[in-house]
Every structure is written in C-alpha cells, then in structure tokens.
C-alpha cells in the first residue's frame, strides 16, 4: 500500500493562493494611488478586495486629473523613452487676440503643474535631475526682453527621480511668477537625463485685478 501523505486540503491551499494574490493586488493599487495623488492615504483594511476597490478608484480619479492638468498645460510629448502627458497649443498665426493657452496664473503668484514621467523602456532609468533649459515669452521678438522670468523661478518636486522599467513617477513643477512679469504666454523647456526626457510647458500670465 502506498503511504498516504498529509498536508492541507486542496481548498485551503487554493484559498491561501487567492488571498496572497488579492494582497498583491491591494499593494499595487495602493502604490498607484500614492504615486498619482498628493493627499496621504488611509491605512489598509483587513479585506484586500476592499483595498483594491478603494485604491483603484482613487488612482483612476488621480490619473484623470493629471491627464486633464497636463492637457490644460499645453504639454508636448517628451523625446525618446521618457514622456509626459501632452496637448497641442494654439496657432500663433490666427488673427486677433487668442485665448490663453494652458493654465492661467496671476503675476506675483505661483503656478503648480503635476506631471507623470513615464519610462516605457526595459530597464530602470538612472537618477534623472530636472532642469529648465530655457524660459521665454512664446511670441516675443525682443531679444533679452523675452526672458523676463528667470529659469531659477522653476522648481521641481522631487528634484530627482528614478523611474522603474514600464513604470511612471509623479513630478510637480512650480513656477514662481514675479509680480512684474509681462502679461503674455510663456514656454519653458524642461529636460532631464541628457536628452532622455524633454518637454515644453506652456502657460499664460495675466495682470492682477
């Protein structure tokens, strides 16, 4: 007679495997919600399926908000593998005054734009340090007068990112607009990783009042 082997019933092993899978799904959903949002998340519940539903819903809402913000910002797609959400700007050849492109900020205040930096490659990126290569008035032909906002007015949070393969990270761009900034449309070229990432951020400055 062959020896009988003892062990947990098949149903128990299936239950354990299902529970482990749900916990992994809950962890991934929480990570995505955290990466795409700014508010702190609540603690995990005792039921992984509840966490998947809750964090998944938060992440979906966050992503929609980021895409809408990116579209309003008039972002052009980044080069090579790295990219940000994008939208096209207006045609500067159109006659008459045009509506502002992208977000509108009052002179003397701070503009905040959230971005998602995506890595579609097979390997993680090296540490990406973001800088502003240029910042000018979009339609200006006045030489030095086109740079009335310095590149040091643009800051990044976090200033450096490492993006895993087939993943993305959240980047917040802030522009401290001087009180004496000329009301106009502005464009900043943001770069990182020696050309791995490059995108153009557009916004409009209006006078107070």
Foldseek 3Di string as FASTA:
>chain_A
DDDDDDDDDPVVVVVVVVQVVLQVLLVVLQVLLVQLDDDDDDDDDPHSVVSNVVSNVSNVVSVVVQLVLQQLQQKDFWPAFKTKRHHHFDDPPDDDDDDWGHAEDEAQAKDKHKIKIFGQDDFKDDKKFKFWPAKFFPPDPPVVVRPPFPRVQKDKVVRIDIAGHGGIGMMMIMGRGHLPDDFGKMKIWMDIDVRNTIMITIGTYDYDD
